[in-house]
Protein backbone atom coordinates (compact mmCIF):
# COMPACT_ATOMS: atom_id res chain seq x y z
CA UNK A 1 83.21 107.25 71.73
CA UNK A 2 84.33 105.63 74.75
CA UNK A 3 88.35 106.23 76.26
CA UNK A 4 90.90 105.05 78.94
CA UNK A 5 92.44 107.10 82.19
CA UNK A 6 95.02 106.72 84.89
CA UNK A 7 94.35 108.53 87.91
CA UNK A 8 96.39 108.92 90.28
CA UNK A 9 96.02 108.69 93.91
CA UNK A 10 97.51 110.03 96.72
CA UNK A 11 94.74 110.65 98.88
CA UNK A 12 93.29 107.56 99.84
CA UNK A 13 90.74 108.97 102.22
CA UNK A 14 88.96 111.29 99.45
CA UNK A 15 89.32 107.60 97.08
CA UNK A 16 85.24 108.43 96.86
CA UNK A 17 84.76 111.19 96.07
CA UNK A 18 87.93 111.15 93.58
CA UNK A 19 85.43 108.53 91.70
CA UNK A 20 82.71 110.42 91.70
CA UNK A 21 84.12 113.32 90.78
CA UNK A 22 84.75 110.73 87.65
CA UNK A 23 81.54 109.98 87.22
CA UNK A 24 80.26 112.94 84.82
CA UNK A 25 83.51 111.57 82.63
CA UNK A 26 80.30 109.06 81.13
CA UNK A 27 82.65 108.32 77.77
CA UNK A 28 85.15 107.16 80.43
CA UNK A 29 84.70 103.23 80.15
CA UNK A 30 88.73 102.20 81.48
CA UNK A 31 90.42 103.07 84.26
CA UNK A 32 94.16 101.94 85.83
CA UNK A 33 94.95 103.30 88.68
CA UNK A 34 98.68 104.45 89.72
CA UNK A 35 99.14 104.46 93.82
CA UNK A 36 101.74 107.18 94.51
CA UNK A 37 103.58 105.58 97.24
CA UNK A 38 107.58 106.41 97.76
CA UNK A 39 109.65 103.83 96.14
CA UNK A 40 111.17 100.66 97.73
CA UNK A 41 109.91 102.15 101.84
CA UNK A 42 107.95 99.57 102.64
CA UNK A 43 107.96 95.44 101.16
CA UNK A 44 104.50 96.66 98.48
CA UNK A 45 102.65 93.16 99.91
CA UNK A 46 102.35 95.66 102.86
CA UNK A 47 99.45 97.56 100.47
CA UNK A 48 97.61 94.35 99.48
CA UNK A 49 94.77 95.74 101.87
CA UNK A 50 94.83 98.46 100.34
CA UNK A 51 94.80 97.24 96.94
CA UNK A 52 91.95 94.66 97.93
CA UNK A 53 89.53 97.45 99.49
CA UNK A 54 90.74 100.00 96.76
CA UNK A 55 88.75 97.64 93.85
CA UNK A 56 86.12 97.14 96.70
CA UNK A 57 85.33 100.68 96.91
CA UNK A 58 85.60 101.31 92.80
CA UNK A 59 82.78 98.43 92.78
CA UNK A 60 80.30 101.67 94.04
CA UNK A 61 81.10 104.18 91.05
CA UNK A 62 82.65 102.36 88.52
CA UNK A 63 80.55 99.21 88.02
CA UNK A 64 80.61 97.53 84.85
CA UNK A 65 83.57 99.57 83.95
CA UNK A 66 87.17 97.87 83.69
CA UNK A 67 89.07 99.46 86.56
CA UNK A 68 92.76 98.35 87.19
CA UNK A 69 95.64 99.18 89.50
CA UNK A 70 98.35 99.32 88.57
CA UNK A 71 101.44 96.92 91.03
CA UNK A 72 103.87 96.74 88.67
CA UNK A 73 104.78 101.23 89.42
CA UNK A 74 104.62 100.24 93.08
CA UNK A 75 107.29 98.24 92.29
CA UNK A 76 109.85 100.87 90.97
CA UNK A 77 112.71 99.45 88.05
CA UNK A 78 110.77 102.44 86.56
CA UNK A 79 108.09 100.56 85.07
CA UNK A 80 106.61 103.71 83.80
CA UNK A 81 107.74 103.33 80.25
CA UNK A 82 107.37 99.66 80.15
CA UNK A 83 104.23 100.12 81.20
CA UNK A 84 101.68 98.01 78.80
CA UNK A 85 97.97 99.36 78.60
CA UNK A 86 95.51 99.83 76.77
CA UNK A 87 95.90 103.63 74.66
CA UNK A 88 95.66 106.81 77.24
CA UNK A 89 93.12 109.77 76.94
CA UNK A 90 93.43 111.57 80.20
CA UNK A 91 95.79 111.66 83.17
CA UNK A 92 93.66 112.23 86.71
CA UNK A 93 94.78 113.11 89.52
CA UNK A 94 93.38 114.08 93.51
CA UNK A 95 95.69 116.77 93.61
CA UNK A 96 98.60 118.74 92.49
CA UNK A 97 101.07 116.11 92.48
CA UNK A 98 104.21 116.19 90.85
CA UNK A 99 104.86 113.08 88.80
CA UNK A 100 101.85 113.86 86.12
CA UNK A 101 103.61 115.40 83.87
CA UNK A 102 106.30 112.84 84.18
CA UNK A 103 103.09 110.18 83.30
CA UNK A 104 101.63 112.51 80.68
CA UNK A 105 104.54 112.66 78.49
CA UNK A 106 106.11 108.77 79.26
CA UNK A 107 102.66 107.70 78.01
CA UNK A 108 102.34 110.29 75.57
CA UNK A 109 98.65 111.87 76.65
CA UNK A 110 98.25 114.83 74.89
CA UNK A 111 95.28 115.66 76.70
CA UNK A 112 95.96 118.18 79.91
CA UNK A 113 95.92 117.11 83.30
CA UNK A 114 92.95 116.91 85.19
CA UNK A 115 93.02 117.47 88.77
CA UNK A 116 90.02 116.74 91.06
CA UNK A 117 91.20 118.97 93.69
CA UNK A 118 93.90 121.90 94.47
CA UNK A 119 94.99 120.19 97.14
CA UNK A 120 98.32 118.08 97.67
CA UNK A 121 97.45 115.25 99.81
CA UNK A 122 99.74 112.27 100.15
CA UNK A 123 98.06 109.76 103.05
CA UNK A 124 98.92 106.31 101.28
CA UNK A 125 101.57 105.33 103.43
CA UNK A 126 98.94 105.81 106.78
CA UNK A 127 97.59 102.64 104.65
CA UNK A 128 100.62 100.20 104.95
CA UNK A 129 99.63 96.62 106.02
CA UNK A 130 101.29 97.05 109.70
CA UNK A 131 102.08 93.07 110.75
CA UNK A 132 105.33 91.06 111.25
CA UNK A 133 107.86 90.60 108.05
CA UNK A 134 107.09 86.45 107.02
CA UNK A 135 103.55 88.44 106.76
CA UNK A 136 104.04 90.63 104.07
CA UNK A 137 107.19 88.81 101.85
CA UNK A 138 107.81 88.60 98.38
CA UNK A 139 108.28 85.71 96.75
CA UNK A 140 110.81 84.14 93.45
CA UNK A 141 108.21 82.25 91.95
CA UNK A 142 104.33 82.58 92.90
CA UNK A 143 101.18 80.27 92.07
CA UNK A 144 98.05 80.21 92.10
CA UNK A 145 94.96 78.50 90.33
CA UNK A 146 91.08 78.68 89.47
CA UNK A 147 88.45 78.87 86.66
CA UNK A 148 88.52 82.94 85.79
CA UNK A 149 85.22 83.19 83.56
CA UNK A 150 84.79 86.71 82.47
CA UNK A 151 87.48 88.65 85.24
CA UNK A 152 85.57 90.38 87.76
CA UNK A 153 86.60 92.37 90.98
CA UNK A 154 87.08 88.81 93.07
CA UNK A 155 89.99 88.11 89.78
CA UNK A 156 91.03 91.04 90.07
CA UNK A 157 91.90 90.98 93.96
CA UNK A 158 92.81 87.10 93.99
CA UNK A 159 95.41 88.11 91.48
CA UNK A 160 96.81 91.54 92.27
CA UNK A 161 97.29 89.66 95.60
CA UNK A 162 99.85 86.92 93.86
CA UNK A 163 100.97 89.72 91.41
CA UNK A 164 102.62 92.02 94.38
CA UNK A 165 103.96 89.21 96.38
CA UNK A 166 106.00 87.71 93.44
CA UNK A 167 109.53 88.95 92.55
CA UNK A 168 110.28 86.98 89.04
CA UNK A 169 107.94 84.59 88.03
CA UNK A 170 103.50 84.09 88.49
CA UNK A 171 102.36 80.58 87.77
CA UNK A 172 98.48 80.93 86.57
CA UNK A 173 96.81 77.69 86.29
CA UNK A 174 93.25 77.76 84.72
CA UNK A 175 90.90 75.29 84.87
CA UNK A 176 89.66 73.05 81.51
CA UNK A 177 85.99 72.68 80.54
CA UNK A 178 86.76 68.59 82.25
CA UNK A 179 87.11 70.69 86.02
CA UNK A 180 84.39 72.80 85.64
CA UNK A 181 81.14 70.32 84.92
CA UNK A 182 79.72 70.55 88.32
CA UNK A 183 79.65 75.24 88.33
CA UNK A 184 76.34 76.67 87.78
CA UNK A 185 75.53 77.67 84.77
CA UNK A 186 79.28 76.00 82.86
CA UNK A 187 77.85 76.14 79.90
CA UNK A 188 78.05 79.68 79.50
CA UNK A 189 81.35 79.18 80.62
CA UNK A 190 84.20 80.93 78.23
CA UNK A 191 86.93 78.96 76.51
CA UNK A 192 90.12 77.78 78.35
CA UNK A 193 91.72 79.42 75.58
CA UNK A 194 89.84 82.88 75.89
CA UNK A 195 90.01 82.69 79.80
CA UNK A 196 94.06 82.59 79.19
CA UNK A 197 94.06 85.25 77.17
CA UNK A 198 91.92 87.83 79.24
CA UNK A 199 94.82 87.12 82.22
CA UNK A 200 97.46 86.95 80.59
CA UNK A 201 96.51 90.60 79.92
CA UNK A 202 95.27 91.47 82.84
CA UNK A 203 98.51 90.46 84.58
CA UNK A 204 100.21 92.60 82.10
CA UNK A 205 98.88 95.71 82.33
CA UNK A 206 99.41 95.67 86.08
CA UNK A 207 102.53 94.76 86.19
CA UNK A 208 104.58 94.13 82.81
CA UNK A 209 108.29 93.08 85.16
CA UNK A 210 106.93 89.48 85.86
CA UNK A 211 107.13 86.38 83.79
CA UNK A 212 103.63 85.28 83.77
CA UNK A 213 102.95 81.49 83.41
CA UNK A 214 99.11 81.11 82.54
CA UNK A 215 98.32 77.39 81.49
CA UNK A 216 95.06 74.69 81.00
CA UNK A 217 94.81 72.57 83.67
CA UNK A 218 92.62 69.42 83.74
CA UNK A 219 93.31 68.45 87.48
CA UNK A 220 93.02 70.59 90.39
CA UNK A 221 96.81 70.93 91.40
CA UNK A 222 97.94 71.51 87.77
CA UNK A 223 101.87 72.00 87.78
CA UNK A 224 102.10 72.64 91.55
CA UNK A 225 102.68 68.94 92.32
CA UNK A 226 105.53 68.73 90.23
CA UNK A 227 106.68 72.07 89.39
CA UNK A 228 110.03 72.51 91.42
CA UNK A 229 110.45 75.56 90.85
CA UNK A 230 108.02 77.40 92.73
CA UNK A 231 108.01 78.78 96.76
CA UNK A 232 103.75 80.40 97.75
CA UNK A 233 100.74 79.94 96.57
CA UNK A 234 97.79 81.74 96.91
CA UNK A 235 93.96 80.73 98.02
CA UNK A 236 91.18 81.77 98.97
CA UNK A 237 89.47 80.31 101.55
CA UNK A 238 87.20 77.92 99.95
CA UNK A 239 90.38 76.39 98.21
CA UNK A 240 92.70 76.61 101.18
CA UNK A 241 92.46 72.90 101.58
CA UNK A 242 93.13 72.80 98.08
CA UNK A 243 97.11 74.51 98.96
CA UNK A 244 96.96 72.15 102.25
CA UNK A 245 97.05 68.57 99.80
CA UNK A 246 99.36 70.57 97.61
CA UNK A 247 101.79 70.18 100.04
CA UNK A 248 101.30 66.60 101.16
CA UNK A 249 101.56 66.13 97.28
CA UNK A 250 104.80 67.98 97.15
CA UNK A 251 106.27 66.36 99.97
CA UNK A 252 105.45 62.77 98.49
CA UNK A 253 107.14 63.94 95.49
CA UNK A 254 110.31 65.11 97.15
CA UNK A 255 109.32 68.72 97.06
CA UNK A 256 109.78 71.84 98.44
CA UNK A 257 106.83 73.32 101.29
CA UNK A 258 105.09 76.32 99.56
CA UNK A 259 103.92 78.46 101.81
CA UNK A 260 100.25 79.64 102.04
CA UNK A 261 98.48 83.38 101.54
CA UNK A 262 94.64 83.42 101.59
CA UNK A 263 92.91 85.82 100.55
CA UNK A 264 89.82 87.21 102.18
CA UNK A 265 86.39 86.19 100.27
CA UNK A 266 84.96 89.22 99.02
CA UNK A 267 81.14 89.88 100.13
CA UNK A 268 78.81 90.85 96.85
CA UNK A 269 76.77 93.72 97.41
CA UNK A 270 73.92 92.14 95.03
CA UNK A 271 72.46 89.00 97.04
CA UNK A 272 69.65 88.82 94.79
CA UNK A 273 67.86 85.97 93.42
CA UNK A 274 69.55 83.16 93.43
CA UNK A 275 73.14 84.47 93.70
CA UNK A 276 75.94 83.62 95.89
CA UNK A 277 76.60 85.79 98.57
CA UNK A 278 80.06 86.21 97.51
CA UNK A 279 81.55 88.16 94.42
CA UNK A 280 81.86 85.07 92.13
CA UNK A 281 81.40 84.03 88.17
CA UNK A 282 78.63 81.86 88.80
CA UNK A 283 77.15 85.37 89.48
CA UNK A 284 78.68 86.74 86.83
CA UNK A 285 77.08 84.34 84.23
CA UNK A 286 73.29 84.49 86.17
CA UNK A 287 74.27 87.64 85.76
CA UNK A 288 74.22 86.93 81.43
CA UNK A 289 70.77 85.29 81.58
CA UNK A 290 68.39 87.24 79.71
CA UNK A 291 71.33 89.50 78.43
CA UNK A 292 72.82 89.32 74.81
CA UNK A 293 75.56 86.92 75.01
CA UNK A 294 76.62 87.91 71.22
CA UNK A 295 74.84 90.55 68.56
CA UNK A 296 72.31 88.66 66.03
CA UNK A 297 74.21 88.06 62.58
CA UNK A 298 72.50 90.59 59.68
CA UNK A 299 70.55 88.02 57.53
CA UNK A 300 69.26 90.31 54.74
CA UNK A 301 67.83 88.30 52.56
CA UNK A 302 64.81 87.80 55.97
CA UNK A 303 62.06 90.72 55.98
CA UNK A 304 62.66 92.82 58.62
CA UNK A 305 59.22 92.52 59.58
CA UNK A 306 57.69 90.73 61.99
CA UNK A 307 60.54 90.14 64.14
CA UNK A 308 61.19 86.52 64.15
CA UNK A 309 62.69 84.84 67.44
CA UNK A 310 63.28 81.19 67.59
CA UNK A 311 62.43 79.82 71.50
CA UNK A 312 64.46 76.31 71.51
CA UNK A 313 65.39 74.54 74.37
CA UNK A 314 65.46 70.90 76.16
CA UNK A 315 62.53 68.70 76.93
CA UNK A 316 60.87 70.34 80.70
CA UNK A 317 63.52 73.20 80.22
CA UNK A 318 60.60 75.58 80.32
CA UNK A 319 59.96 77.37 76.99
CA UNK A 320 56.29 77.12 76.87
CA UNK A 321 56.11 79.40 80.26
CA UNK A 322 58.91 81.87 78.79
CA UNK A 323 56.90 81.86 75.18
CA UNK A 324 53.42 82.63 77.77
CA UNK A 325 55.68 85.45 78.91
CA UNK A 326 57.20 86.97 76.31
CA UNK A 327 53.48 86.95 75.23
CA UNK A 328 51.88 88.82 77.72
CA UNK A 329 54.40 91.62 77.27
CA UNK A 330 53.45 91.65 73.00
CA UNK A 331 54.96 88.85 71.26
CA UNK A 332 52.67 86.94 68.73
CA UNK A 333 53.81 82.73 69.59
CA UNK A 334 53.56 80.39 66.83
CA UNK A 335 53.86 76.83 68.69
CA UNK A 336 55.79 74.46 66.26
CA UNK A 337 54.86 72.03 68.23
CA UNK A 338 51.13 72.64 68.39
CA UNK A 339 51.35 73.09 64.04
CA UNK A 340 52.84 70.26 63.39
CA UNK A 341 49.81 68.20 65.12
CA UNK A 342 48.25 69.71 62.13
CA UNK A 343 50.38 68.77 59.47
CA UNK A 344 49.96 65.11 61.17
CA UNK A 345 46.24 65.54 60.36
CA UNK A 346 44.74 63.04 58.16
CA UNK A 347 44.74 64.13 54.35
CA UNK A 348 48.18 66.41 55.22
CA UNK A 349 51.27 65.47 52.66
CA UNK A 350 52.35 65.01 55.97
CA UNK A 351 50.51 62.73 57.43
CA UNK A 352 50.63 60.59 54.00
CA UNK A 353 54.77 60.03 54.03
CA UNK A 354 54.97 58.96 57.35
CA UNK A 355 52.60 56.62 57.95
CA UNK A 356 53.69 55.08 54.97
CA UNK A 357 57.26 55.14 56.30
CA UNK A 358 55.65 53.65 59.39
CA UNK A 359 52.72 51.85 58.99
CA UNK A 360 49.13 52.16 59.79
CA UNK A 361 50.50 50.40 63.53
CA UNK A 362 51.00 53.96 64.76
CA UNK A 363 47.32 55.15 63.87
CA UNK A 364 44.53 55.35 66.52
CA UNK A 365 40.91 53.81 65.35
CA UNK A 366 39.67 57.23 64.42
CA UNK A 367 42.66 56.89 61.85
CA UNK A 368 45.00 59.93 63.38
CA UNK A 369 48.39 59.24 63.79
CA UNK A 370 48.74 58.35 67.66
CA UNK A 371 52.04 60.30 68.90
CA UNK A 372 52.41 58.00 71.67
CA UNK A 373 52.53 55.33 69.59
CA UNK A 374 54.79 56.77 67.36
CA UNK A 375 57.47 58.49 70.07
CA UNK A 376 57.78 55.29 71.55
CA UNK A 377 59.05 53.84 67.55
CA UNK A 378 61.80 57.10 67.14
CA UNK A 379 62.84 57.22 70.72
CA UNK A 380 64.13 54.33 70.66
CA UNK A 381 66.15 53.67 67.49
CA UNK A 382 68.18 56.81 66.58
CA UNK A 383 67.48 55.41 62.76
CA UNK A 384 63.94 55.87 62.96
CA UNK A 385 63.94 59.53 64.84
CA UNK A 386 66.09 60.83 61.79
CA UNK A 387 63.65 59.26 59.37
CA UNK A 388 60.61 60.91 61.41
CA UNK A 389 62.37 64.60 61.68
CA UNK A 390 63.35 64.53 57.61
CA UNK A 391 59.65 63.81 56.91
CA UNK A 392 58.58 66.36 59.05
CA UNK A 393 60.77 69.76 59.57
CA UNK A 394 61.16 70.40 55.70
CA UNK A 395 57.08 70.33 55.84
CA UNK A 396 56.50 72.10 58.78
CA UNK A 397 58.84 74.72 58.26
CA UNK A 398 56.78 75.22 55.06
CA UNK A 399 53.68 75.23 56.70
CA UNK A 400 55.15 77.87 59.49
CA UNK A 401 56.30 79.95 56.52
CA UNK A 402 53.47 80.10 54.85
CA UNK A 403 51.52 81.89 58.20
CA UNK A 404 53.98 84.20 58.24
CA UNK A 405 53.81 85.27 55.32
CA UNK A 406 50.04 85.66 55.82
CA UNK A 407 50.96 87.69 58.75
CA UNK A 408 52.64 90.01 56.69
CA UNK A 409 50.06 90.71 54.39
CA UNK A 410 48.01 92.11 57.62
CA UNK A 411 47.42 95.53 58.77
CA UNK A 412 48.31 95.16 62.01
CA UNK A 413 51.00 93.17 60.93
CA UNK A 414 52.63 91.76 65.12
CA UNK A 415 56.38 93.47 65.37
CA UNK A 416 57.84 89.92 67.56
CA UNK A 417 56.76 86.67 66.30
CA UNK A 418 58.44 83.92 68.92
CA UNK A 419 58.95 80.82 66.92
CA UNK A 420 58.52 78.14 70.08
CA UNK A 421 60.02 74.90 68.82
CA UNK A 422 62.62 72.39 70.48
CA UNK A 423 64.02 71.37 66.91
CA UNK A 424 64.78 74.51 65.76
CA UNK A 425 68.17 74.35 66.08
CA UNK A 426 68.95 71.02 64.85
CA UNK A 427 66.30 71.54 62.20
CA UNK A 428 68.50 74.61 60.99
CA UNK A 429 65.80 76.33 61.74
CA UNK A 430 68.17 79.07 63.20
CA UNK A 431 68.31 80.06 59.26
CA UNK A 432 64.51 81.55 59.92
CA UNK A 433 64.76 83.80 62.79
CA UNK A 434 66.82 86.73 63.11
CA UNK A 435 67.82 85.64 66.83
CA UNK A 436 67.68 82.72 68.76
CA UNK A 437 66.83 82.77 72.06
CA UNK A 438 66.95 79.40 74.49
CA UNK A 439 65.72 77.53 77.42
CA UNK A 440 68.40 75.08 80.34
CA UNK A 441 68.53 73.37 82.68
CA UNK A 442 71.14 70.83 84.08
CA UNK A 443 70.37 67.77 82.74
CA UNK A 444 69.71 65.65 86.50
CA UNK A 445 66.67 68.33 86.78
CA UNK A 446 65.26 67.79 83.18
CA UNK A 447 65.43 64.12 83.85
CA UNK A 448 63.52 65.01 87.24
CA UNK A 449 60.85 66.92 85.47
CA UNK A 450 60.11 64.77 82.39
CA UNK A 451 59.58 61.49 85.34
CA UNK A 452 57.44 63.72 87.32
CA UNK A 453 55.10 65.13 84.54
CA UNK A 454 55.25 62.46 81.72
CA UNK A 455 55.40 59.88 84.02
CA UNK A 456 58.45 58.06 82.44
CA UNK A 457 60.80 55.95 84.14
CA UNK A 458 64.63 57.55 84.43
CA UNK A 459 65.71 55.46 81.68
CA UNK A 460 63.50 56.92 79.35
CA UNK A 461 63.52 60.12 80.36
CA UNK A 462 67.23 59.93 79.78
CA UNK A 463 67.25 58.48 75.75
CA UNK A 464 64.88 61.37 74.92
CA UNK A 465 67.28 64.13 76.20
CA UNK A 466 70.06 61.97 74.71
CA UNK A 467 68.01 62.75 71.64
CA UNK A 468 68.26 66.26 71.97
CA UNK A 469 70.76 69.06 70.89
CA UNK A 470 73.52 69.39 74.55
CA UNK A 471 73.13 72.76 76.71
CA UNK A 472 76.22 73.16 75.41
CA UNK A 473 75.15 73.47 71.44
CA UNK A 474 72.53 75.63 71.88
CA UNK A 475 74.53 77.56 74.08
CA UNK A 476 76.68 78.42 71.07
CA UNK A 477 73.96 78.82 68.89
CA UNK A 478 71.96 81.40 70.52
CA UNK A 479 71.69 85.18 71.50
CA UNK A 480 70.16 85.07 74.10
CA UNK A 481 69.57 82.56 77.12
CA UNK A 482 67.56 82.04 80.06
CA UNK A 483 67.51 78.75 82.76
CA UNK A 484 64.31 78.12 84.71
CA UNK A 485 65.96 76.14 87.36
CA UNK A 486 65.19 78.31 89.82
CA UNK A 487 62.46 80.47 91.02
CA UNK A 488 59.84 81.51 88.60
CA UNK A 489 60.29 85.15 89.64
CA UNK A 490 63.92 84.94 89.17
CA UNK A 491 62.82 83.59 85.48
CA UNK A 492 60.60 86.14 84.83
CA UNK A 493 63.45 88.71 85.52
CA UNK A 494 65.48 87.07 82.83
CA UNK A 495 62.22 87.73 80.16
CA UNK A 496 61.47 91.16 81.85
CA UNK A 497 65.39 92.27 80.60
CA UNK A 498 65.36 90.12 76.96
CA UNK A 499 62.34 91.70 76.83
CA UNK A 500 63.29 95.09 77.14
CA UNK A 501 67.07 94.61 75.20
CA UNK A 502 65.19 93.81 72.23
CA UNK A 503 62.04 96.49 72.52
CA UNK A 504 65.42 99.28 72.84
CA UNK A 505 67.12 97.53 69.92
CA UNK A 506 64.21 97.60 67.71
CA UNK A 507 63.02 101.20 68.14
CA UNK A 508 66.73 102.14 67.92
CA UNK A 509 66.92 100.27 64.54
CA UNK A 510 63.41 101.85 63.25
CA UNK A 511 64.70 105.34 64.12
CA UNK A 512 68.23 105.20 62.84
CA UNK A 513 65.80 103.84 59.52
CA UNK A 514 63.85 106.82 59.33
CA UNK A 515 66.75 109.37 59.30
CA UNK A 516 68.18 108.09 56.30
């Protein structure tokens, strides 16, 4: 059972020690931090650097757990009773502080306060940002924008720096798919409505005193180019030029110039594989490769053994190489393209239907179907391709199911069978497997590989790609996604990650069944 806690922090120098002490509470999955500072003694933005540093420090001890620093409680206004948090189960404190009991009563926490130390040290004020007033001033209306895909450490710092500087209203522009197509693994970016919801939830939790407008934007400037009620924009080092461009547009439109606050990029401690050196959503999406994006749906009519995985992806995406990797890990691989070769042979039902439909001109001298001739016909005519698919796909699945049924009768039936099939999703075969794993690469990389590997022209390669399911559709119907656009060793790591998750799940299922 997971739980949520609040940590009252008064001893900043002991913050790491406090988080280490919390590691033994393994059930703790969400932690709010309340900085116990005297209200209104210094401007709230003077704690901006401290908040950023605490987020960075938390990543070492609370990695992959939800960690939010409450900003609203710094601002006062009686925000303890206005907090909109998940139900809090525990209150932790780094020392004996009177505020803890007040907090326990206001949040209706039933458990006694857990004191991590008997000391009574308060050094928070020592960490205020001592800079000129213009550097730590507040603004009535603040604005910022971004993709905000799967809220991570960098986003929390970015948003928090805007929240601590806003006194009334915060506008957040969240980019739509029109602005994200050039991003790494953009197919894995969550829908804009979901991203907006996550941003709204985070902001409301850390400071419920502000008015939030979290809106979708189809261009880089969103409402900043036309909204007269804006005072300051928060940007990062890499988007500073965008902030300056905003002011140029506002000047052209007769609007006030916005003050610009630029935050430093947060350096990533994980620089493995193709990751960026900064904490970013791209890194987060790269981490998703080889993991379960969603749980497989129950399929009670599908026998549990062998466990069937449909492996799919576009042309030149690396399906066959991935199949080889999984075979080396213990899976039996059934290459549906090779099975199709067999049902194309003379004497097979499929052979007869194809020749009847496309004529004898597609045959070689030995009377076998010349797949190159047939391919040149169907890939140039979508209607003919559909006719071929309507002939081949049903017959192919009949043969595949026949072979799987044979495997089930064998005493050494394999535990996992991989059905490698480019047409898996288009043919509707995802209903025939327990889950779908897929390979994706950027379309331009696929074209390059096809031209190089198959000797086709760029136009022919693009035509073949156009006849396949798009990456976005593949991702939306897959449980695990891989990408071979980087070093082969990194693709292998993705496979190893997915295989471990699968075996752990199968072992858990077996153990659960044996205990019934």
